[in-house]
PDBML (XML) file of the C-alpha atoms, coordinates in Angstrom:
<?xml version="1.0" encoding="UTF-8" ?>
<PDBx:datablock datablockName="MODEL"
   xmlns:PDBx="http://pdbml.pdb.org/schema/pdbx-v50.xsd"
   xmlns:xsi="http://www.w3.org/2001/XMLSchema-instance"
   xsi:schemaLocation="http://pdbml.pdb.org/schema/pdbx-v50.xsd pdbx-v50.xsd">
   <PDBx:atom_siteCategory>
      <PDBx:atom_site id="1">
         <PDBx:B_iso_or_equiv>0.00</PDBx:B_iso_or_equiv>
         <PDBx:Cartn_x>12.488</PDBx:Cartn_x>
         <PDBx:Cartn_y>-40.271</PDBx:Cartn_y>
         <PDBx:Cartn_z>59.596</PDBx:Cartn_z>
         <PDBx:auth_asym_id>A</PDBx:auth_asym_id>
         <PDBx:auth_atom_id>CA</PDBx:auth_atom_id>
         <PDBx:auth_comp_id>LYS</PDBx:auth_comp_id>
         <PDBx:auth_seq_id>1</PDBx:auth_seq_id>
         <PDBx:group_PDB>ATOM</PDBx:group_PDB>
         <PDBx:label_alt_id xsi:nil="true" />
         <PDBx:label_asym_id>A</PDBx:label_asym_id>
         <PDBx:label_atom_id>CA</PDBx:label_atom_id>
         <PDBx:label_comp_id>LYS</PDBx:label_comp_id>
         <PDBx:label_entity_id>1</PDBx:label_entity_id>
         <PDBx:label_seq_id>1</PDBx:label_seq_id>
         <PDBx:occupancy>1.00</PDBx:occupancy>
         <PDBx:pdbx_PDB_model_num>1</PDBx:pdbx_PDB_model_num>
         <PDBx:type_symbol>C</PDBx:type_symbol>
      </PDBx:atom_site>
      <PDBx:atom_site id="2">
         <PDBx:B_iso_or_equiv>0.00</PDBx:B_iso_or_equiv>
         <PDBx:Cartn_x>15.278</PDBx:Cartn_x>
         <PDBx:Cartn_y>-39.835</PDBx:Cartn_y>
         <PDBx:Cartn_z>62.174</PDBx:Cartn_z>
         <PDBx:auth_asym_id>A</PDBx:auth_asym_id>
         <PDBx:auth_atom_id>CA</PDBx:auth_atom_id>
         <PDBx:auth_comp_id>GLU</PDBx:auth_comp_id>
         <PDBx:auth_seq_id>2</PDBx:auth_seq_id>
         <PDBx:group_PDB>ATOM</PDBx:group_PDB>
         <PDBx:label_alt_id xsi:nil="true" />
         <PDBx:label_asym_id>A</PDBx:label_asym_id>
         <PDBx:label_atom_id>CA</PDBx:label_atom_id>
         <PDBx:label_comp_id>GLU</PDBx:label_comp_id>
         <PDBx:label_entity_id>1</PDBx:label_entity_id>
         <PDBx:label_seq_id>2</PDBx:label_seq_id>
         <PDBx:occupancy>1.00</PDBx:occupancy>
         <PDBx:pdbx_PDB_model_num>1</PDBx:pdbx_PDB_model_num>
         <PDBx:type_symbol>C</PDBx:type_symbol>
      </PDBx:atom_site>
      <PDBx:atom_site id="3">
         <PDBx:B_iso_or_equiv>0.00</PDBx:B_iso_or_equiv>
         <PDBx:Cartn_x>17.409</PDBx:Cartn_x>
         <PDBx:Cartn_y>-37.449</PDBx:Cartn_y>
         <PDBx:Cartn_z>60.112</PDBx:Cartn_z>
         <PDBx:auth_asym_id>A</PDBx:auth_asym_id>
         <PDBx:auth_atom_id>CA</PDBx:auth_atom_id>
         <PDBx:auth_comp_id>ASP</PDBx:auth_comp_id>
         <PDBx:auth_seq_id>3</PDBx:auth_seq_id>
         <PDBx:group_PDB>ATOM</PDBx:group_PDB>
         <PDBx:label_alt_id xsi:nil="true" />
         <PDBx:label_asym_id>A</PDBx:label_asym_id>
         <PDBx:label_atom_id>CA</PDBx:label_atom_id>
         <PDBx:label_comp_id>ASP</PDBx:label_comp_id>
         <PDBx:label_entity_id>1</PDBx:label_entity_id>
         <PDBx:label_seq_id>3</PDBx:label_seq_id>
         <PDBx:occupancy>1.00</PDBx:occupancy>
         <PDBx:pdbx_PDB_model_num>1</PDBx:pdbx_PDB_model_num>
         <PDBx:type_symbol>C</PDBx:type_symbol>
      </PDBx:atom_site>
      <PDBx:atom_site id="4">
         <PDBx:B_iso_or_equiv>0.00</PDBx:B_iso_or_equiv>
         <PDBx:Cartn_x>19.260</PDBx:Cartn_x>
         <PDBx:Cartn_y>-34.888</PDBx:Cartn_y>
         <PDBx:Cartn_z>62.251</PDBx:Cartn_z>
         <PDBx:auth_asym_id>A</PDBx:auth_asym_id>
         <PDBx:auth_atom_id>CA</PDBx:auth_atom_id>
         <PDBx:auth_comp_id>ALA</PDBx:auth_comp_id>
         <PDBx:auth_seq_id>4</PDBx:auth_seq_id>
         <PDBx:group_PDB>ATOM</PDBx:group_PDB>
         <PDBx:label_alt_id xsi:nil="true" />
         <PDBx:label_asym_id>A</PDBx:label_asym_id>
         <PDBx:label_atom_id>CA</PDBx:label_atom_id>
         <PDBx:label_comp_id>ALA</PDBx:label_comp_id>
         <PDBx:label_entity_id>1</PDBx:label_entity_id>
         <PDBx:label_seq_id>4</PDBx:label_seq_id>
         <PDBx:occupancy>1.00</PDBx:occupancy>
         <PDBx:pdbx_PDB_model_num>1</PDBx:pdbx_PDB_model_num>
         <PDBx:type_symbol>C</PDBx:type_symbol>
      </PDBx:atom_site>
      <PDBx:atom_site id="5">
         <PDBx:B_iso_or_equiv>0.00</PDBx:B_iso_or_equiv>
         <PDBx:Cartn_x>19.001</PDBx:Cartn_x>
         <PDBx:Cartn_y>-31.128</PDBx:Cartn_y>
         <PDBx:Cartn_z>61.695</PDBx:Cartn_z>
         <PDBx:auth_asym_id>A</PDBx:auth_asym_id>
         <PDBx:auth_atom_id>CA</PDBx:auth_atom_id>
         <PDBx:auth_comp_id>GLY</PDBx:auth_comp_id>
         <PDBx:auth_seq_id>5</PDBx:auth_seq_id>
         <PDBx:group_PDB>ATOM</PDBx:group_PDB>
         <PDBx:label_alt_id xsi:nil="true" />
         <PDBx:label_asym_id>A</PDBx:label_asym_id>
         <PDBx:label_atom_id>CA</PDBx:label_atom_id>
         <PDBx:label_comp_id>GLY</PDBx:label_comp_id>
         <PDBx:label_entity_id>1</PDBx:label_entity_id>
         <PDBx:label_seq_id>5</PDBx:label_seq_id>
         <PDBx:occupancy>1.00</PDBx:occupancy>
         <PDBx:pdbx_PDB_model_num>1</PDBx:pdbx_PDB_model_num>
         <PDBx:type_symbol>C</PDBx:type_symbol>
      </PDBx:atom_site>
      <PDBx:atom_site id="6">
         <PDBx:B_iso_or_equiv>0.00</PDBx:B_iso_or_equiv>
         <PDBx:Cartn_x>20.586</PDBx:Cartn_x>
         <PDBx:Cartn_y>-27.904</PDBx:Cartn_y>
         <PDBx:Cartn_z>62.881</PDBx:Cartn_z>
         <PDBx:auth_asym_id>A</PDBx:auth_asym_id>
         <PDBx:auth_atom_id>CA</PDBx:auth_atom_id>
         <PDBx:auth_comp_id>VAL</PDBx:auth_comp_id>
         <PDBx:auth_seq_id>6</PDBx:auth_seq_id>
         <PDBx:group_PDB>ATOM</PDBx:group_PDB>
         <PDBx:label_alt_id xsi:nil="true" />
         <PDBx:label_asym_id>A</PDBx:label_asym_id>
         <PDBx:label_atom_id>CA</PDBx:label_atom_id>
         <PDBx:label_comp_id>VAL</PDBx:label_comp_id>
         <PDBx:label_entity_id>1</PDBx:label_entity_id>
         <PDBx:label_seq_id>6</PDBx:label_seq_id>
         <PDBx:occupancy>1.00</PDBx:occupancy>
         <PDBx:pdbx_PDB_model_num>1</PDBx:pdbx_PDB_model_num>
         <PDBx:type_symbol>C</PDBx:type_symbol>
      </PDBx:atom_site>
      <PDBx:atom_site id="7">
         <PDBx:B_iso_or_equiv>0.00</PDBx:B_iso_or_equiv>
         <PDBx:Cartn_x>19.558</PDBx:Cartn_x>
         <PDBx:Cartn_y>-24.271</PDBx:Cartn_y>
         <PDBx:Cartn_z>63.394</PDBx:Cartn_z>
         <PDBx:auth_asym_id>A</PDBx:auth_asym_id>
         <PDBx:auth_atom_id>CA</PDBx:auth_atom_id>
         <PDBx:auth_comp_id>VAL</PDBx:auth_comp_id>
         <PDBx:auth_seq_id>7</PDBx:auth_seq_id>
         <PDBx:group_PDB>ATOM</PDBx:group_PDB>
         <PDBx:label_alt_id xsi:nil="true" />
         <PDBx:label_asym_id>A</PDBx:label_asym_id>
         <PDBx:label_atom_id>CA</PDBx:label_atom_id>
         <PDBx:label_comp_id>VAL</PDBx:label_comp_id>
         <PDBx:label_entity_id>1</PDBx:label_entity_id>
         <PDBx:label_seq_id>7</PDBx:label_seq_id>
         <PDBx:occupancy>1.00</PDBx:occupancy>
         <PDBx:pdbx_PDB_model_num>1</PDBx:pdbx_PDB_model_num>
         <PDBx:type_symbol>C</PDBx:type_symbol>
      </PDBx:atom_site>
      <PDBx:atom_site id="8">
         <PDBx:B_iso_or_equiv>0.00</PDBx:B_iso_or_equiv>
         <PDBx:Cartn_x>22.641</PDBx:Cartn_x>
         <PDBx:Cartn_y>-22.030</PDBx:Cartn_y>
         <PDBx:Cartn_z>63.694</PDBx:Cartn_z>
         <PDBx:auth_asym_id>A</PDBx:auth_asym_id>
         <PDBx:auth_atom_id>CA</PDBx:auth_atom_id>
         <PDBx:auth_comp_id>CYS</PDBx:auth_comp_id>
         <PDBx:auth_seq_id>8</PDBx:auth_seq_id>
         <PDBx:group_PDB>ATOM</PDBx:group_PDB>
         <PDBx:label_alt_id xsi:nil="true" />
         <PDBx:label_asym_id>A</PDBx:label_asym_id>
         <PDBx:label_atom_id>CA</PDBx:label_atom_id>
         <PDBx:label_comp_id>CYS</PDBx:label_comp_id>
         <PDBx:label_entity_id>1</PDBx:label_entity_id>
         <PDBx:label_seq_id>8</PDBx:label_seq_id>
         <PDBx:occupancy>1.00</PDBx:occupancy>
         <PDBx:pdbx_PDB_model_num>1</PDBx:pdbx_PDB_model_num>
         <PDBx:type_symbol>C</PDBx:type_symbol>
      </PDBx:atom_site>
      <PDBx:atom_site id="9">
         <PDBx:B_iso_or_equiv>0.00</PDBx:B_iso_or_equiv>
         <PDBx:Cartn_x>22.879</PDBx:Cartn_x>
         <PDBx:Cartn_y>-18.571</PDBx:Cartn_y>
         <PDBx:Cartn_z>65.252</PDBx:Cartn_z>
         <PDBx:auth_asym_id>A</PDBx:auth_asym_id>
         <PDBx:auth_atom_id>CA</PDBx:auth_atom_id>
         <PDBx:auth_comp_id>SER</PDBx:auth_comp_id>
         <PDBx:auth_seq_id>9</PDBx:auth_seq_id>
         <PDBx:group_PDB>ATOM</PDBx:group_PDB>
         <PDBx:label_alt_id xsi:nil="true" />
         <PDBx:label_asym_id>A</PDBx:label_asym_id>
         <PDBx:label_atom_id>CA</PDBx:label_atom_id>
         <PDBx:label_comp_id>SER</PDBx:label_comp_id>
         <PDBx:label_entity_id>1</PDBx:label_entity_id>
         <PDBx:label_seq_id>9</PDBx:label_seq_id>
         <PDBx:occupancy>1.00</PDBx:occupancy>
         <PDBx:pdbx_PDB_model_num>1</PDBx:pdbx_PDB_model_num>
         <PDBx:type_symbol>C</PDBx:type_symbol>
      </PDBx:atom_site>
      <PDBx:atom_site id="10">
         <PDBx:B_iso_or_equiv>0.00</PDBx:B_iso_or_equiv>
         <PDBx:Cartn_x>23.648</PDBx:Cartn_x>
         <PDBx:Cartn_y>-16.898</PDBx:Cartn_y>
         <PDBx:Cartn_z>61.902</PDBx:Cartn_z>
         <PDBx:auth_asym_id>A</PDBx:auth_asym_id>
         <PDBx:auth_atom_id>CA</PDBx:auth_atom_id>
         <PDBx:auth_comp_id>GLU</PDBx:auth_comp_id>
         <PDBx:auth_seq_id>10</PDBx:auth_seq_id>
         <PDBx:group_PDB>ATOM</PDBx:group_PDB>
         <PDBx:label_alt_id xsi:nil="true" />
         <PDBx:label_asym_id>A</PDBx:label_asym_id>
         <PDBx:label_atom_id>CA</PDBx:label_atom_id>
         <PDBx:label_comp_id>GLU</PDBx:label_comp_id>
         <PDBx:label_entity_id>1</PDBx:label_entity_id>
         <PDBx:label_seq_id>10</PDBx:label_seq_id>
         <PDBx:occupancy>1.00</PDBx:occupancy>
         <PDBx:pdbx_PDB_model_num>1</PDBx:pdbx_PDB_model_num>
         <PDBx:type_symbol>C</PDBx:type_symbol>
      </PDBx:atom_site>
      <PDBx:atom_site id="11">
         <PDBx:B_iso_or_equiv>0.00</PDBx:B_iso_or_equiv>
         <PDBx:Cartn_x>20.391</PDBx:Cartn_x>
         <PDBx:Cartn_y>-18.209</PDBx:Cartn_y>
         <PDBx:Cartn_z>60.397</PDBx:Cartn_z>
         <PDBx:auth_asym_id>A</PDBx:auth_asym_id>
         <PDBx:auth_atom_id>CA</PDBx:auth_atom_id>
         <PDBx:auth_comp_id>HIS</PDBx:auth_comp_id>
         <PDBx:auth_seq_id>11</PDBx:auth_seq_id>
         <PDBx:group_PDB>ATOM</PDBx:group_PDB>
         <PDBx:label_alt_id xsi:nil="true" />
         <PDBx:label_asym_id>A</PDBx:label_asym_id>
         <PDBx:label_atom_id>CA</PDBx:label_atom_id>
         <PDBx:label_comp_id>HIS</PDBx:label_comp_id>
         <PDBx:label_entity_id>1</PDBx:label_entity_id>
         <PDBx:label_seq_id>11</PDBx:label_seq_id>
         <PDBx:occupancy>1.00</PDBx:occupancy>
         <PDBx:pdbx_PDB_model_num>1</PDBx:pdbx_PDB_model_num>
         <PDBx:type_symbol>C</PDBx:type_symbol>
      </PDBx:atom_site>
      <PDBx:atom_site id="12">
         <PDBx:B_iso_or_equiv>0.00</PDBx:B_iso_or_equiv>
         <PDBx:Cartn_x>17.833</PDBx:Cartn_x>
         <PDBx:Cartn_y>-15.454</PDBx:Cartn_y>
         <PDBx:Cartn_z>59.832</PDBx:Cartn_z>
         <PDBx:auth_asym_id>A</PDBx:auth_asym_id>
         <PDBx:auth_atom_id>CA</PDBx:auth_atom_id>
         <PDBx:auth_comp_id>GLN</PDBx:auth_comp_id>
         <PDBx:auth_seq_id>12</PDBx:auth_seq_id>
         <PDBx:group_PDB>ATOM</PDBx:group_PDB>
         <PDBx:label_alt_id xsi:nil="true" />
         <PDBx:label_asym_id>A</PDBx:label_asym_id>
         <PDBx:label_atom_id>CA</PDBx:label_atom_id>
         <PDBx:label_comp_id>GLN</PDBx:label_comp_id>
         <PDBx:label_entity_id>1</PDBx:label_entity_id>
         <PDBx:label_seq_id>12</PDBx:label_seq_id>
         <PDBx:occupancy>1.00</PDBx:occupancy>
         <PDBx:pdbx_PDB_model_num>1</PDBx:pdbx_PDB_model_num>
         <PDBx:type_symbol>C</PDBx:type_symbol>
      </PDBx:atom_site>
      <PDBx:atom_site id="13">
         <PDBx:B_iso_or_equiv>0.00</PDBx:B_iso_or_equiv>
         <PDBx:Cartn_x>14.091</PDBx:Cartn_x>
         <PDBx:Cartn_y>-15.853</PDBx:Cartn_y>
         <PDBx:Cartn_z>59.479</PDBx:Cartn_z>
         <PDBx:auth_asym_id>A</PDBx:auth_asym_id>
         <PDBx:auth_atom_id>CA</PDBx:auth_atom_id>
         <PDBx:auth_comp_id>GLU</PDBx:auth_comp_id>
         <PDBx:auth_seq_id>13</PDBx:auth_seq_id>
         <PDBx:group_PDB>ATOM</PDBx:group_PDB>
         <PDBx:label_alt_id xsi:nil="true" />
         <PDBx:label_asym_id>A</PDBx:label_asym_id>
         <PDBx:label_atom_id>CA</PDBx:label_atom_id>
         <PDBx:label_comp_id>GLU</PDBx:label_comp_id>
         <PDBx:label_entity_id>1</PDBx:label_entity_id>
         <PDBx:label_seq_id>13</PDBx:label_seq_id>
         <PDBx:occupancy>1.00</PDBx:occupancy>
         <PDBx:pdbx_PDB_model_num>1</PDBx:pdbx_PDB_model_num>
         <PDBx:type_symbol>C</PDBx:type_symbol>
      </PDBx:atom_site>
      <PDBx:atom_site id="14">
         <PDBx:B_iso_or_equiv>0.00</PDBx:B_iso_or_equiv>
         <PDBx:Cartn_x>11.384</PDBx:Cartn_x>
         <PDBx:Cartn_y>-13.231</PDBx:Cartn_y>
         <PDBx:Cartn_z>59.318</PDBx:Cartn_z>
         <PDBx:auth_asym_id>A</PDBx:auth_asym_id>
         <PDBx:auth_atom_id>CA</PDBx:auth_atom_id>
         <PDBx:auth_comp_id>TRP</PDBx:auth_comp_id>
         <PDBx:auth_seq_id>14</PDBx:auth_seq_id>
         <PDBx:group_PDB>ATOM</PDBx:group_PDB>
         <PDBx:label_alt_id xsi:nil="true" />
         <PDBx:label_asym_id>A</PDBx:label_asym_id>
         <PDBx:label_atom_id>CA</PDBx:label_atom_id>
         <PDBx:label_comp_id>TRP</PDBx:label_comp_id>
         <PDBx:label_entity_id>1</PDBx:label_entity_id>
         <PDBx:label_seq_id>14</PDBx:label_seq_id>
         <PDBx:occupancy>1.00</PDBx:occupancy>
         <PDBx:pdbx_PDB_model_num>1</PDBx:pdbx_PDB_model_num>
         <PDBx:type_symbol>C</PDBx:type_symbol>
      </PDBx:atom_site>
      <PDBx:atom_site id="15">
         <PDBx:B_iso_or_equiv>0.00</PDBx:B_iso_or_equiv>
         <PDBx:Cartn_x>7.769</PDBx:Cartn_x>
         <PDBx:Cartn_y>-12.675</PDBx:Cartn_y>
         <PDBx:Cartn_z>60.289</PDBx:Cartn_z>
         <PDBx:auth_asym_id>A</PDBx:auth_asym_id>
         <PDBx:auth_atom_id>CA</PDBx:auth_atom_id>
         <PDBx:auth_comp_id>ARG</PDBx:auth_comp_id>
         <PDBx:auth_seq_id>15</PDBx:auth_seq_id>
         <PDBx:group_PDB>ATOM</PDBx:group_PDB>
         <PDBx:label_alt_id xsi:nil="true" />
         <PDBx:label_asym_id>A</PDBx:label_asym_id>
         <PDBx:label_atom_id>CA</PDBx:label_atom_id>
         <PDBx:label_comp_id>ARG</PDBx:label_comp_id>
         <PDBx:label_entity_id>1</PDBx:label_entity_id>
         <PDBx:label_seq_id>15</PDBx:label_seq_id>
         <PDBx:occupancy>1.00</PDBx:occupancy>
         <PDBx:pdbx_PDB_model_num>1</PDBx:pdbx_PDB_model_num>
         <PDBx:type_symbol>C</PDBx:type_symbol>
      </PDBx:atom_site>
      <PDBx:atom_site id="16">
         <PDBx:B_iso_or_equiv>0.00</PDBx:B_iso_or_equiv>
         <PDBx:Cartn_x>5.269</PDBx:Cartn_x>
         <PDBx:Cartn_y>-9.838</PDBx:Cartn_y>
         <PDBx:Cartn_z>60.173</PDBx:Cartn_z>
         <PDBx:auth_asym_id>A</PDBx:auth_asym_id>
         <PDBx:auth_atom_id>CA</PDBx:auth_atom_id>
         <PDBx:auth_comp_id>LEU</PDBx:auth_comp_id>
         <PDBx:auth_seq_id>16</PDBx:auth_seq_id>
         <PDBx:group_PDB>ATOM</PDBx:group_PDB>
         <PDBx:label_alt_id xsi:nil="true" />
         <PDBx:label_asym_id>A</PDBx:label_asym_id>
         <PDBx:label_atom_id>CA</PDBx:label_atom_id>
         <PDBx:label_comp_id>LEU</PDBx:label_comp_id>
         <PDBx:label_entity_id>1</PDBx:label_entity_id>
         <PDBx:label_seq_id>16</PDBx:label_seq_id>
         <PDBx:occupancy>1.00</PDBx:occupancy>
         <PDBx:pdbx_PDB_model_num>1</PDBx:pdbx_PDB_model_num>
         <PDBx:type_symbol>C</PDBx:type_symbol>
      </PDBx:atom_site>
      <PDBx:atom_site id="17">
         <PDBx:B_iso_or_equiv>0.00</PDBx:B_iso_or_equiv>
         <PDBx:Cartn_x>3.412</PDBx:Cartn_x>
         <PDBx:Cartn_y>-9.304</PDBx:Cartn_y>
         <PDBx:Cartn_z>63.436</PDBx:Cartn_z>
         <PDBx:auth_asym_id>A</PDBx:auth_asym_id>
         <PDBx:auth_atom_id>CA</PDBx:auth_atom_id>
         <PDBx:auth_comp_id>SER</PDBx:auth_comp_id>
         <PDBx:auth_seq_id>17</PDBx:auth_seq_id>
         <PDBx:group_PDB>ATOM</PDBx:group_PDB>
         <PDBx:label_alt_id xsi:nil="true" />
         <PDBx:label_asym_id>A</PDBx:label_asym_id>
         <PDBx:label_atom_id>CA</PDBx:label_atom_id>
         <PDBx:label_comp_id>SER</PDBx:label_comp_id>
         <PDBx:label_entity_id>1</PDBx:label_entity_id>
         <PDBx:label_seq_id>17</PDBx:label_seq_id>
         <PDBx:occupancy>1.00</PDBx:occupancy>
         <PDBx:pdbx_PDB_model_num>1</PDBx:pdbx_PDB_model_num>
         <PDBx:type_symbol>C</PDBx:type_symbol>
      </PDBx:atom_site>
      <PDBx:atom_site id="18">
         <PDBx:B_iso_or_equiv>0.00</PDBx:B_iso_or_equiv>
         <PDBx:Cartn_x>0.332</PDBx:Cartn_x>
         <PDBx:Cartn_y>-7.332</PDBx:Cartn_y>
         <PDBx:Cartn_z>64.416</PDBx:Cartn_z>
         <PDBx:auth_asym_id>A</PDBx:auth_asym_id>
         <PDBx:auth_atom_id>CA</PDBx:auth_atom_id>
         <PDBx:auth_comp_id>GLY</PDBx:auth_comp_id>
         <PDBx:auth_seq_id>18</PDBx:auth_seq_id>
         <PDBx:group_PDB>ATOM</PDBx:group_PDB>
         <PDBx:label_alt_id xsi:nil="true" />
         <PDBx:label_asym_id>A</PDBx:label_asym_id>
         <PDBx:label_atom_id>CA</PDBx:label_atom_id>
         <PDBx:label_comp_id>GLY</PDBx:label_comp_id>
         <PDBx:label_entity_id>1</PDBx:label_entity_id>
         <PDBx:label_seq_id>18</PDBx:label_seq_id>
         <PDBx:occupancy>1.00</PDBx:occupancy>
         <PDBx:pdbx_PDB_model_num>1</PDBx:pdbx_PDB_model_num>
         <PDBx:type_symbol>C</PDBx:type_symbol>
      </PDBx:atom_site>
      <PDBx:atom_site id="19">
         <PDBx:B_iso_or_equiv>0.00</PDBx:B_iso_or_equiv>
         <PDBx:Cartn_x>-1.191</PDBx:Cartn_x>
         <PDBx:Cartn_y>-7.145</PDBx:Cartn_y>
         <PDBx:Cartn_z>60.932</PDBx:Cartn_z>
         <PDBx:auth_asym_id>A</PDBx:auth_asym_id>
         <PDBx:auth_atom_id>CA</PDBx:auth_atom_id>
         <PDBx:auth_comp_id>GLY</PDBx:auth_comp_id>
         <PDBx:auth_seq_id>19</PDBx:auth_seq_id>
         <PDBx:group_PDB>ATOM</PDBx:group_PDB>
         <PDBx:label_alt_id xsi:nil="true" />
         <PDBx:label_asym_id>A</PDBx:label_asym_id>
         <PDBx:label_atom_id>CA</PDBx:label_atom_id>
         <PDBx:label_comp_id>GLY</PDBx:label_comp_id>
         <PDBx:label_entity_id>1</PDBx:label_entity_id>
         <PDBx:label_seq_id>19</PDBx:label_seq_id>
         <PDBx:occupancy>1.00</PDBx:occupancy>
         <PDBx:pdbx_PDB_model_num>1</PDBx:pdbx_PDB_model_num>
         <PDBx:type_symbol>C</PDBx:type_symbol>
      </PDBx:atom_site>
      <PDBx:atom_site id="20">
         <PDBx:B_iso_or_equiv>0.00</PDBx:B_iso_or_equiv>
         <PDBx:Cartn_x>-4.342</PDBx:Cartn_x>
         <PDBx:Cartn_y>-8.675</PDBx:Cartn_y>
         <PDBx:Cartn_z>59.511</PDBx:Cartn_z>
         <PDBx:auth_asym_id>A</PDBx:auth_asym_id>
         <PDBx:auth_atom_id>CA</PDBx:auth_atom_id>
         <PDBx:auth_comp_id>ARG</PDBx:auth_comp_id>
         <PDBx:auth_seq_id>20</PDBx:auth_seq_id>
         <PDBx:group_PDB>ATOM</PDBx:group_PDB>
         <PDBx:label_alt_id xsi:nil="true" />
         <PDBx:label_asym_id>A</PDBx:label_asym_id>
         <PDBx:label_atom_id>CA</PDBx:label_atom_id>
         <PDBx:label_comp_id>ARG</PDBx:label_comp_id>
         <PDBx:label_entity_id>1</PDBx:label_entity_id>
         <PDBx:label_seq_id>20</PDBx:label_seq_id>
         <PDBx:occupancy>1.00</PDBx:occupancy>
         <PDBx:pdbx_PDB_model_num>1</PDBx:pdbx_PDB_model_num>
         <PDBx:type_symbol>C</PDBx:type_symbol>
      </PDBx:atom_site>
      <PDBx:atom_site id="21">
         <PDBx:B_iso_or_equiv>0.00</PDBx:B_iso_or_equiv>
         <PDBx:Cartn_x>-2.430</PDBx:Cartn_x>
         <PDBx:Cartn_y>-11.770</PDBx:Cartn_y>
         <PDBx:Cartn_z>58.330</PDBx:Cartn_z>
         <PDBx:auth_asym_id>A</PDBx:auth_asym_id>
         <PDBx:auth_atom_id>CA</PDBx:auth_atom_id>
         <PDBx:auth_comp_id>ASP</PDBx:auth_comp_id>
         <PDBx:auth_seq_id>21</PDBx:auth_seq_id>
         <PDBx:group_PDB>ATOM</PDBx:group_PDB>
         <PDBx:label_alt_id xsi:nil="true" />
         <PDBx:label_asym_id>A</PDBx:label_asym_id>
         <PDBx:label_atom_id>CA</PDBx:label_atom_id>
         <PDBx:label_comp_id>ASP</PDBx:label_comp_id>
         <PDBx:label_entity_id>1</PDBx:label_entity_id>
         <PDBx:label_seq_id>21</PDBx:label_seq_id>
         <PDBx:occupancy>1.00</PDBx:occupancy>
         <PDBx:pdbx_PDB_model_num>1</PDBx:pdbx_PDB_model_num>
         <PDBx:type_symbol>C</PDBx:type_symbol>
      </PDBx:atom_site>
      <PDBx:atom_site id="22">
         <PDBx:B_iso_or_equiv>0.00</PDBx:B_iso_or_equiv>
         <PDBx:Cartn_x>1.117</PDBx:Cartn_x>
         <PDBx:Cartn_y>-13.061</PDBx:Cartn_y>
         <PDBx:Cartn_z>57.816</PDBx:Cartn_z>
         <PDBx:auth_asym_id>A</PDBx:auth_asym_id>
         <PDBx:auth_atom_id>CA</PDBx:auth_atom_id>
         <PDBx:auth_comp_id>GLY</PDBx:auth_comp_id>
         <PDBx:auth_seq_id>22</PDBx:auth_seq_id>
         <PDBx:group_PDB>ATOM</PDBx:group_PDB>
         <PDBx:label_alt_id xsi:nil="true" />
         <PDBx:label_asym_id>A</PDBx:label_asym_id>
         <PDBx:label_atom_id>CA</PDBx:label_atom_id>
         <PDBx:label_comp_id>GLY</PDBx:label_comp_id>
         <PDBx:label_entity_id>1</PDBx:label_entity_id>
         <PDBx:label_seq_id>22</PDBx:label_seq_id>
         <PDBx:occupancy>1.00</PDBx:occupancy>
         <PDBx:pdbx_PDB_model_num>1</PDBx:pdbx_PDB_model_num>
         <PDBx:type_symbol>C</PDBx:type_symbol>
      </PDBx:atom_site>
      <PDBx:atom_site id="23">
         <PDBx:B_iso_or_equiv>0.00</PDBx:B_iso_or_equiv>
         <PDBx:Cartn_x>1.640</PDBx:Cartn_x>
         <PDBx:Cartn_y>-10.592</PDBx:Cartn_y>
         <PDBx:Cartn_z>54.940</PDBx:Cartn_z>
         <PDBx:auth_asym_id>A</PDBx:auth_asym_id>
         <PDBx:auth_atom_id>CA</PDBx:auth_atom_id>
         <PDBx:auth_comp_id>CYS</PDBx:auth_comp_id>
         <PDBx:auth_seq_id>23</PDBx:auth_seq_id>
         <PDBx:group_PDB>ATOM</PDBx:group_PDB>
         <PDBx:label_alt_id xsi:nil="true" />
         <PDBx:label_asym_id>A</PDBx:label_asym_id>
         <PDBx:label_atom_id>CA</PDBx:label_atom_id>
         <PDBx:label_comp_id>CYS</PDBx:label_comp_id>
         <PDBx:label_entity_id>1</PDBx:label_entity_id>
         <PDBx:label_seq_id>23</PDBx:label_seq_id>
         <PDBx:occupancy>1.00</PDBx:occupancy>
         <PDBx:pdbx_PDB_model_num>1</PDBx:pdbx_PDB_model_num>
         <PDBx:type_symbol>C</PDBx:type_symbol>
      </PDBx:atom_site>
      <PDBx:atom_site id="24">
         <PDBx:B_iso_or_equiv>0.00</PDBx:B_iso_or_equiv>
         <PDBx:Cartn_x>1.264</PDBx:Cartn_x>
         <PDBx:Cartn_y>-7.348</PDBx:Cartn_y>
         <PDBx:Cartn_z>56.892</PDBx:Cartn_z>
         <PDBx:auth_asym_id>A</PDBx:auth_asym_id>
         <PDBx:auth_atom_id>CA</PDBx:auth_atom_id>
         <PDBx:auth_comp_id>ALA</PDBx:auth_comp_id>
         <PDBx:auth_seq_id>24</PDBx:auth_seq_id>
         <PDBx:group_PDB>ATOM</PDBx:group_PDB>
         <PDBx:label_alt_id xsi:nil="true" />
         <PDBx:label_asym_id>A</PDBx:label_asym_id>
         <PDBx:label_atom_id>CA</PDBx:label_atom_id>
         <PDBx:label_comp_id>ALA</PDBx:label_comp_id>
         <PDBx:label_entity_id>1</PDBx:label_entity_id>
         <PDBx:label_seq_id>24</PDBx:label_seq_id>
         <PDBx:occupancy>1.00</PDBx:occupancy>
         <PDBx:pdbx_PDB_model_num>1</PDBx:pdbx_PDB_model_num>
         <PDBx:type_symbol>C</PDBx:type_symbol>
      </PDBx:atom_site>
      <PDBx:atom_site id="25">
         <PDBx:B_iso_or_equiv>0.00</PDBx:B_iso_or_equiv>
         <PDBx:Cartn_x>2.649</PDBx:Cartn_x>
         <PDBx:Cartn_y>-5.869</PDBx:Cartn_y>
         <PDBx:Cartn_z>60.080</PDBx:Cartn_z>
         <PDBx:auth_asym_id>A</PDBx:auth_asym_id>
         <PDBx:auth_atom_id>CA</PDBx:auth_atom_id>
         <PDBx:auth_comp_id>GLY</PDBx:auth_comp_id>
         <PDBx:auth_seq_id>25</PDBx:auth_seq_id>
         <PDBx:group_PDB>ATOM</PDBx:group_PDB>
         <PDBx:label_alt_id xsi:nil="true" />
         <PDBx:label_asym_id>A</PDBx:label_asym_id>
         <PDBx:label_atom_id>CA</PDBx:label_atom_id>
         <PDBx:label_comp_id>GLY</PDBx:label_comp_id>
         <PDBx:label_entity_id>1</PDBx:label_entity_id>
         <PDBx:label_seq_id>25</PDBx:label_seq_id>
         <PDBx:occupancy>1.00</PDBx:occupancy>
         <PDBx:pdbx_PDB_model_num>1</PDBx:pdbx_PDB_model_num>
         <PDBx:type_symbol>C</PDBx:type_symbol>
      </PDBx:atom_site>
   </PDBx:atom_siteCategory>
</PDBx:datablock>
């Protein structure tokens, strides 16, 4: 439960904003 993690600068994640739900925008 104490396992270490990392988020690096070259990681990409995406989101849709301003739409009716997380699948539009």
